[in-house]
Amino acid sequence: MAELQMLLEEEIPAGKRALVESYQNLTRVADYCENNYVQAQDKRKALEETKAYTTQSLASVAYQINALANNVLQLLDIQAS
């Protein structure tokens, strides 16, 4: 029962907050990359930097989605048993 309570009160809400923060971070990364590309003299370098930031940011979001999905599955397993 303690595990269920921890999932409901801590883990799942924390995962949702992390996704909201990631959304905000993705917006900031997109703004930075756009401004950086527009102002860059070396467009190819700016594009490579944009690709690196995008890859890192999306990998982080995918990890957070996976962690939250695992917590939800755990919750469902506990409720089913």
PDB file of N, CA and C in Angstrom:
ATOM      1  N   MET A   1       0.821  -1.205   0.000  1.00  0.00           N
ATOM      2  CA  MET A   1       0.000   0.000   0.000  1.00  0.00           C
ATOM      3  C   MET A   1       0.859   1.261   0.000  1.00  0.00           C
ATOM      4  N   ALA A   2       2.015   1.197   0.666  1.00  0.00           N
ATOM      5  CA  ALA A   2       2.910   2.358   0.718  1.00  0.00           C
ATOM      6  C   ALA A   2       3.443   2.687  -0.675  1.00  0.00           C
ATOM      7  N   GLU A   3       3.686   1.639  -1.457  1.00  0.00           N
ATOM      8  CA  GLU A   3       4.183   1.853  -2.817  1.00  0.00           C
ATOM      9  C   GLU A   3       3.136   2.571  -3.671  1.00  0.00           C
ATOM     10  N   LEU A   4       1.893   2.175  -3.526  1.00  0.00           N
ATOM     11  CA  LEU A   4       0.798   2.824  -4.248  1.00  0.00           C
ATOM     12  C   LEU A   4       0.707   4.297  -3.863  1.00  0.00           C
ATOM     13  N   GLN A   5       0.776   4.556  -2.583  1.00  0.00           N
ATOM     14  CA  GLN A   5       0.695   5.938  -2.104  1.00  0.00           C
ATOM     15  C   GLN A   5       1.869   6.768  -2.619  1.00  0.00           C
ATOM     16  N   MET A   6       3.075   6.172  -2.611  1.00  0.00           N
ATOM     17  CA  MET A   6       4.247   6.888  -3.104  1.00  0.00           C
ATOM     18  C   MET A   6       4.098   7.223  -4.592  1.00  0.00           C
ATOM     19  N   LEU A   7       3.594   6.278  -5.365  1.00  0.00           N
ATOM     20  CA  LEU A   7       3.378   6.522  -6.793  1.00  0.00           C
ATOM     21  C   LEU A   7       2.366   7.641  -7.013  1.00  0.00           C
ATOM     22  N   LEU A   8       1.259   7.574  -6.284  1.00  0.00           N
ATOM     23  CA  LEU A   8       0.187   8.558  -6.466  1.00  0.00           C
ATOM     24  C   LEU A   8       0.555   9.950  -5.968  1.00  0.00           C
ATOM     25  N   GLU A   9       1.291  10.009  -4.879  1.00  0.00           N
ATOM     26  CA  GLU A   9       1.558  11.302  -4.252  1.00  0.00           C
ATOM     27  C   GLU A   9       2.902  11.911  -4.635  1.00  0.00           C
ATOM     28  N   GLU A  10       3.847  11.072  -5.073  1.00  0.00           N
ATOM     29  CA  GLU A  10       5.185  11.592  -5.338  1.00  0.00           C
ATOM     30  C   GLU A  10       5.667  11.337  -6.763  1.00  0.00           C
ATOM     31  N   GLU A  11       5.799  10.066  -7.097  1.00  0.00           N
ATOM     32  CA  GLU A  11       6.460   9.702  -8.350  1.00  0.00           C
ATOM     33  C   GLU A  11       5.734  10.212  -9.596  1.00  0.00           C
ATOM     34  N   ILE A  12       4.455   9.947  -9.693  1.00  0.00           N
ATOM     35  CA  ILE A  12       3.706  10.355 -10.889  1.00  0.00           C
ATOM     36  C   ILE A  12       3.579  11.875 -10.981  1.00  0.00           C
ATOM     37  N   PRO A  13       3.234  12.576  -9.904  1.00  0.00           N
ATOM     38  CA  PRO A  13       3.212  14.046  -9.997  1.00  0.00           C
ATOM     39  C   PRO A  13       4.585  14.641 -10.347  1.00  0.00           C
ATOM     40  N   ALA A  14       5.652  14.051  -9.799  1.00  0.00           N
ATOM     41  CA  ALA A  14       6.997  14.542 -10.118  1.00  0.00           C
ATOM     42  C   ALA A  14       7.315  14.317 -11.596  1.00  0.00           C
ATOM     43  N   GLY A  15       6.890  13.186 -12.127  1.00  0.00           N
ATOM     44  CA  GLY A  15       7.099  12.912 -13.549  1.00  0.00           C
ATOM     45  C   GLY A  15       6.338  13.883 -14.438  1.00  0.00           C
ATOM     46  N   LYS A  16       5.123  14.204 -14.037  1.00  0.00           N
ATOM     47  CA  LYS A  16       4.330  15.177 -14.803  1.00  0.00           C
ATOM     48  C   LYS A  16       4.976  16.559 -14.755  1.00  0.00           C
ATOM     49  N   ARG A  17       5.469  16.943 -13.576  1.00  0.00           N
ATOM     50  CA  ARG A  17       6.156  18.241 -13.455  1.00  0.00           C
ATOM     51  C   ARG A  17       7.406  18.276 -14.325  1.00  0.00           C
ATOM     52  N   ALA A  18       8.135  17.175 -14.352  1.00  0.00           N
ATOM     53  CA  ALA A  18       9.347  17.107 -15.170  1.00  0.00           C
ATOM     54  C   ALA A  18       9.013  17.285 -16.648  1.00  0.00           C
ATOM     55  N   LEU A  19       7.901  16.716 -17.092  1.00  0.00           N
ATOM     56  CA  LEU A  19       7.502  16.881 -18.494  1.00  0.00           C
ATOM     57  C   LEU A  19       7.105  18.322 -18.800  1.00  0.00           C
ATOM     58  N   VAL A  20       6.440  18.981 -17.871  1.00  0.00           N
ATOM     59  CA  VAL A  20       6.088  20.395 -18.064  1.00  0.00           C
ATOM     60  C   VAL A  20       7.358  21.235 -18.152  1.00  0.00           C
ATOM     61  N   GLU A  21       8.317  20.958 -17.268  1.00  0.00           N
ATOM     62  CA  GLU A  21       9.589  21.679 -17.306  1.00  0.00           C
ATOM     63  C   GLU A  21      10.319  21.415 -18.619  1.00  0.00           C
ATOM     64  N   SER A  22      10.259  20.188 -19.092  1.00  0.00           N
ATOM     65  CA  SER A  22      10.907  19.850 -20.359  1.00  0.00           C
ATOM     66  C   SER A  22      10.276  20.605 -21.518  1.00  0.00           C
ATOM     67  N   TYR A  23       8.962  20.745 -21.485  1.00  0.00           N
ATOM     68  CA  TYR A  23       8.272  21.519 -22.518  1.00  0.00           C
ATOM     69  C   TYR A  23       8.804  22.952 -22.531  1.00  0.00           C
ATOM     70  N   GLN A  24       8.924  23.530 -21.341  1.00  0.00           N
ATOM     71  CA  GLN A  24       9.436  24.897 -21.248  1.00  0.00           C
ATOM     72  C   GLN A  24      10.886  24.965 -21.720  1.00  0.00           C
ATOM     73  N   ASN A  25      11.681  23.964 -21.360  1.00  0.00           N
ATOM     74  CA  ASN A  25      13.074  23.934 -21.801  1.00  0.00           C
ATOM     75  C   ASN A  25      13.176  23.774 -23.312  1.00  0.00           C
ATOM     76  N   LEU A  26      12.319  22.951 -23.898  1.00  0.00           N
ATOM     77  CA  LEU A  26      12.335  22.781 -25.353  1.00  0.00           C
ATOM     78  C   LEU A  26      12.016  24.092 -26.060  1.00  0.00           C
ATOM     79  N   THR A  27      11.112  24.852 -25.495  1.00  0.00           N
ATOM     80  CA  THR A  27      10.782  26.159 -26.068  1.00  0.00           C
ATOM     81  C   THR A  27      11.993  27.080 -26.018  1.00  0.00           C
ATOM     82  N   ARG A  28      12.691  27.074 -24.883  1.00  0.00           N
ATOM     83  CA  ARG A  28      13.892  27.913 -24.755  1.00  0.00           C
ATOM     84  C   ARG A  28      14.993  27.454 -25.705  1.00  0.00           C
ATOM     85  N   VAL A  29      15.180  26.152 -25.821  1.00  0.00           N
ATOM     86  CA  VAL A  29      16.196  25.617 -26.728  1.00  0.00           C
ATOM     87  C   VAL A  29      15.867  26.007 -28.164  1.00  0.00           C
ATOM     88  N   ALA A  30      14.600  25.892 -28.541  1.00  0.00           N
ATOM     89  CA  ALA A  30      14.192  26.263 -29.902  1.00  0.00           C
ATOM     90  C   ALA A  30      14.446  27.742 -30.165  1.00  0.00           C
ATOM     91  N   ASP A  31      14.111  28.587 -29.207  1.00  0.00           N
ATOM     92  CA  ASP A  31      14.353  30.024 -29.366  1.00  0.00           C
ATOM     93  C   ASP A  31      15.840  30.319 -29.492  1.00  0.00           C
ATOM     94  N   TYR A  32      16.637  29.678 -28.632  1.00  0.00           N
ATOM     95  CA  TYR A  32      18.086  29.895 -28.683  1.00  0.00           C
ATOM     96  C   TYR A  32      18.646  29.450 -30.033  1.00  0.00           C
ATOM     97  N   CYS A  33      18.255  28.264 -30.467  1.00  0.00           N
ATOM     98  CA  CYS A  33      18.782  27.728 -31.725  1.00  0.00           C
ATOM     99  C   CYS A  33      18.381  28.599 -32.910  1.00  0.00           C
ATOM    100  N   GLU A  34      17.158  29.067 -32.906  1.00  0.00           N
ATOM    101  CA  GLU A  34      16.707  29.941 -33.993  1.00  0.00           C
ATOM    102  C   GLU A  34      17.518  31.233 -34.013  1.00  0.00           C
ATOM    103  N   ASN A  35      17.648  31.866 -32.859  1.00  0.00           N
ATOM    104  CA  ASN A  35      18.414  33.113 -32.793  1.00  0.00           C
ATOM    105  C   ASN A  35      19.879  32.885 -33.133  1.00  0.00           C
ATOM    106  N   ASN A  36      20.428  31.785 -32.651  1.00  0.00           N
ATOM    107  CA  ASN A  36      21.824  31.467 -32.928  1.00  0.00           C
ATOM    108  C   ASN A  36      22.043  31.272 -34.424  1.00  0.00           C
ATOM    109  N   TYR A  37      21.131  30.574 -35.079  1.00  0.00           N
ATOM    110  CA  TYR A  37      21.273  30.324 -36.514  1.00  0.00           C
ATOM    111  C   TYR A  37      21.163  31.620 -37.312  1.00  0.00           C
ATOM    112  N   VAL A  38      20.196  32.453 -36.945  1.00  0.00           N
ATOM    113  CA  VAL A  38      19.992  33.714 -37.664  1.00  0.00           C
ATOM    114  C   VAL A  38      21.223  34.608 -37.546  1.00  0.00           C
ATOM    115  N   GLN A  39      21.832  34.632 -36.362  1.00  0.00           N
ATOM    116  CA  GLN A  39      22.956  35.529 -36.123  1.00  0.00           C
ATOM    117  C   GLN A  39      24.308  34.934 -36.505  1.00  0.00           C
ATOM    118  N   ALA A  40      24.365  33.635 -36.704  1.00  0.00           N
ATOM    119  CA  ALA A  40      25.645  32.968 -36.948  1.00  0.00           C
ATOM    120  C   ALA A  40      26.191  33.296 -38.328  1.00  0.00           C
ATOM    121  N   GLN A  41      27.490  33.482 -38.352  1.00  0.00           N
ATOM    122  CA  GLN A  41      28.147  33.650 -39.649  1.00  0.00           C
ATOM    123  C   GLN A  41      28.403  32.282 -40.275  1.00  0.00           C
ATOM    124  N   ASP A  42      28.718  31.320 -39.439  1.00  0.00           N
ATOM    125  CA  ASP A  42      28.950  29.956 -39.908  1.00  0.00           C
ATOM    126  C   ASP A  42      27.657  29.156 -39.705  1.00  0.00           C
ATOM    127  N   LYS A  43      26.825  29.147 -40.727  1.00  0.00           N
ATOM    128  CA  LYS A  43      25.508  28.499 -40.640  1.00  0.00           C
ATOM    129  C   LYS A  43      25.627  26.986 -40.429  1.00  0.00           C
ATOM    130  N   ARG A  44      26.625  26.391 -41.043  1.00  0.00           N
ATOM    131  CA  ARG A  44      26.805  24.946 -40.904  1.00  0.00           C
ATOM    132  C   ARG A  44      27.110  24.577 -39.444  1.00  0.00           C
ATOM    133  N   LYS A  45      27.970  25.352 -38.801  1.00  0.00           N
ATOM    134  CA  LYS A  45      28.292  25.112 -37.391  1.00  0.00           C
ATOM    135  C   LYS A  45      27.053  25.326 -36.514  1.00  0.00           C
ATOM    136  N   ALA A  46      26.297  26.362 -36.804  1.00  0.00           N
ATOM    137  CA  ALA A  46      25.076  26.640 -36.040  1.00  0.00           C
ATOM    138  C   ALA A  46      24.069  25.506 -36.216  1.00  0.00           C
ATOM    139  N   LEU A  47      23.977  24.972 -37.429  1.00  0.00           N
ATOM    140  CA  LEU A  47      23.062  23.857 -37.678  1.00  0.00           C
ATOM    141  C   LEU A  47      23.494  22.612 -36.905  1.00  0.00           C
ATOM    142  N   GLU A  48      24.785  22.334 -36.886  1.00  0.00           N
ATOM    143  CA  GLU A  48      25.285  21.178 -36.137  1.00  0.00           C
ATOM    144  C   GLU A  48      25.013  21.333 -34.641  1.00  0.00           C
ATOM    145  N   GLU A  49      25.184  22.550 -34.136  1.00  0.00           N
ATOM    146  CA  GLU A  49      24.893  22.811 -32.729  1.00  0.00           C
ATOM    147  C   GLU A  49      23.402  22.619 -32.455  1.00  0.00           C
ATOM    148  N   THR A  50      22.574  23.074 -33.375  1.00  0.00           N
ATOM    149  CA  THR A  50      21.126  22.901 -33.235  1.00  0.00           C
ATOM    150  C   THR A  50      20.760  21.419 -33.206  1.00  0.00           C
ATOM    151  N   LYS A  51      21.370  20.639 -34.074  1.00  0.00           N
ATOM    152  CA  LYS A  51      21.098  19.198 -34.092  1.00  0.00           C
ATOM    153  C   LYS A  51      21.494  18.547 -32.768  1.00  0.00           C
ATOM    154  N   ALA A  52      22.637  18.958 -32.231  1.00  0.00           N
ATOM    155  CA  ALA A  52      23.104  18.382 -30.966  1.00  0.00           C
ATOM    156  C   ALA A  52      22.158  18.738 -29.821  1.00  0.00           C
ATOM    157  N   TYR A  53      21.763  20.005 -29.737  1.00  0.00           N
ATOM    158  CA  TYR A  53      20.824  20.423 -28.689  1.00  0.00           C
ATOM    159  C   TYR A  53      19.484  19.707 -28.834  1.00  0.00           C
ATOM    160  N   THR A  54      19.016  19.595 -30.059  1.00  0.00           N
ATOM    161  CA  THR A  54      17.731  18.944 -30.309  1.00  0.00           C
ATOM    162  C   THR A  54      17.774  17.474 -29.904  1.00  0.00           C
ATOM    163  N   THR A  55      18.833  16.796 -30.303  1.00  0.00           N
ATOM    164  CA  THR A  55      18.981  15.384 -29.960  1.00  0.00           C
ATOM    165  C   THR A  55      19.015  15.184 -28.455  1.00  0.00           C
ATOM    166  N   GLN A  56      19.805  16.000 -27.769  1.00  0.00           N
ATOM    167  CA  GLN A  56      19.922  15.887 -26.317  1.00  0.00           C
ATOM    168  C   GLN A  56      18.586  16.189 -25.632  1.00  0.00           C
ATOM    169  N   SER A  57      17.918  17.232 -26.079  1.00  0.00           N
ATOM    170  CA  SER A  57      16.650  17.630 -25.462  1.00  0.00           C
ATOM    171  C   SER A  57      15.572  16.578 -25.669  1.00  0.00           C
ATOM    172  N   LEU A  58      15.469  16.060 -26.881  1.00  0.00           N
ATOM    173  CA  LEU A  58      14.445  15.052 -27.160  1.00  0.00           C
ATOM    174  C   LEU A  58      14.740  13.729 -26.461  1.00  0.00           C
ATOM    175  N   ALA A  59      16.015  13.389 -26.330  1.00  0.00           N
ATOM    176  CA  ALA A  59      16.378  12.176 -25.588  1.00  0.00           C
ATOM    177  C   ALA A  59      15.975  12.314 -24.122  1.00  0.00           C
ATOM    178  N   SER A  60      16.156  13.488 -23.581  1.00  0.00           N
ATOM    179  CA  SER A  60      15.761  13.741 -22.195  1.00  0.00           C
ATOM    180  C   SER A  60      14.250  13.593 -22.024  1.00  0.00           C
ATOM    181  N   VAL A  61      13.493  14.140 -22.955  1.00  0.00           N
ATOM    182  CA  VAL A  61      12.030  14.032 -22.897  1.00  0.00           C
ATOM    183  C   VAL A  61      11.604  12.568 -23.042  1.00  0.00           C
ATOM    184  N   ALA A  62      12.225  11.854 -23.952  1.00  0.00           N
ATOM    185  CA  ALA A  62      11.884  10.439 -24.136  1.00  0.00           C
ATOM    186  C   ALA A  62      12.157   9.645 -22.859  1.00  0.00           C
ATOM    187  N   TYR A  63      13.257   9.938 -22.193  1.00  0.00           N
ATOM    188  CA  TYR A  63      13.575   9.270 -20.930  1.00  0.00           C
ATOM    189  C   TYR A  63      12.507   9.571 -19.881  1.00  0.00           C
ATOM    190  N   GLN A  64      12.105  10.829 -19.793  1.00  0.00           N
ATOM    191  CA  GLN A  64      11.092  11.219 -18.804  1.00  0.00           C
ATOM    192  C   GLN A  64       9.743  10.571 -19.097  1.00  0.00           C
ATOM    193  N   ILE A  65       9.374  10.497 -20.363  1.00  0.00           N
ATOM    194  CA  ILE A  65       8.123   9.828 -20.739  1.00  0.00           C
ATOM    195  C   ILE A  65       8.190   8.351 -20.361  1.00  0.00           C
ATOM    196  N   ASN A  66       9.326   7.726 -20.631  1.00  0.00           N
ATOM    197  CA  ASN A  66       9.501   6.318 -20.282  1.00  0.00           C
ATOM    198  C   ASN A  66       9.387   6.100 -18.772  1.00  0.00           C
ATOM    199  N   ALA A  67      10.026   6.960 -17.996  1.00  0.00           N
ATOM    200  CA  ALA A  67       9.975   6.834 -16.535  1.00  0.00           C
ATOM    201  C   ALA A  67       8.545   7.002 -16.026  1.00  0.00           C
ATOM    202  N   LEU A  68       7.839   7.989 -16.561  1.00  0.00           N
ATOM    203  CA  LEU A  68       6.453   8.213 -16.141  1.00  0.00           C
ATOM    204  C   LEU A  68       5.560   7.047 -16.570  1.00  0.00           C
ATOM    205  N   ALA A  69       5.760   6.543 -17.768  1.00  0.00           N
ATOM    206  CA  ALA A  69       4.973   5.401 -18.243  1.00  0.00           C
ATOM    207  C   ALA A  69       5.212   4.172 -17.367  1.00  0.00           C
ATOM    208  N   ASN A  70       6.460   3.960 -16.973  1.00  0.00           N
ATOM    209  CA  ASN A  70       6.753   2.833 -16.078  1.00  0.00           C
ATOM    210  C   ASN A  70       6.053   2.994 -14.736  1.00  0.00           C
ATOM    211  N   ASN A  71       6.024   4.215 -14.226  1.00  0.00           N
ATOM    212  CA  ASN A  71       5.320   4.458 -12.964  1.00  0.00           C
ATOM    213  C   ASN A  71       3.820   4.203 -13.101  1.00  0.00           C
ATOM    214  N   VAL A  72       3.244   4.612 -14.217  1.00  0.00           N
ATOM    215  CA  VAL A  72       1.811   4.376 -14.441  1.00  0.00           C
ATOM    216  C   VAL A  72       1.537   2.875 -14.566  1.00  0.00           C
ATOM    217  N   LEU A  73       2.405   2.158 -15.274  1.00  0.00           N
ATOM    218  CA  LEU A  73       2.236   0.703 -15.380  1.00  0.00           C
ATOM    219  C   LEU A  73       2.346   0.031 -14.016  1.00  0.00           C
ATOM    220  N   GLN A  74       3.290   0.503 -13.220  1.00  0.00           N
ATOM    221  CA  GLN A  74       3.437  -0.021 -11.864  1.00  0.00           C
ATOM    222  C   GLN A  74       2.160   0.228 -11.059  1.00  0.00           C
ATOM    223  N   LEU A  75       1.611   1.423 -11.197  1.00  0.00           N
ATOM    224  CA  LEU A  75       0.364   1.775 -10.515  1.00  0.00           C
ATOM    225  C   LEU A  75      -0.764   0.831 -10.937  1.00  0.00           C
ATOM    226  N   LEU A  76      -0.882   0.595 -12.224  1.00  0.00           N
ATOM    227  CA  LEU A  76      -1.929  -0.298 -12.724  1.00  0.00           C
ATOM    228  C   LEU A  76      -1.735  -1.724 -12.224  1.00  0.00           C
ATOM    229  N   ASP A  77      -0.480  -2.177 -12.191  1.00  0.00           N
ATOM    230  CA  ASP A  77      -0.201  -3.523 -11.671  1.00  0.00           C
ATOM    231  C   ASP A  77      -0.612  -3.649 -10.210  1.00  0.00           C
ATOM    232  N   ILE A  78      -0.295  -2.628  -9.421  1.00  0.00           N
ATOM    233  CA  ILE A  78      -0.654  -2.658  -8.002  1.00  0.00           C
ATOM    234  C   ILE A  78      -2.169  -2.661  -7.842  1.00  0.00           C
ATOM    235  N   GLN A  79      -2.846  -1.845  -8.623  1.00  0.00           N
ATOM    236  CA  GLN A  79      -4.303  -1.771  -8.518  1.00  0.00           C
ATOM    237  C   GLN A  79      -4.970  -3.067  -8.969  1.00  0.00           C
ATOM    238  N   ALA A  80      -4.362  -3.755  -9.936  1.00  0.00           N
ATOM    239  CA  ALA A  80      -4.945  -4.991 -10.451  1.00  0.00           C
ATOM    240  C   ALA A  80      -4.749  -6.168  -9.495  1.00  0.00           C
ATOM    241  N   SER A  81      -3.761  -6.062  -8.630  1.00  0.00           N
ATOM    242  CA  SER A  81      -3.490  -7.205  -7.730  1.00  0.00           C
ATOM    243  C   SER A  81      -4.205  -7.086  -6.397  1.00  0.00           C
TER     244      SER A  81
END
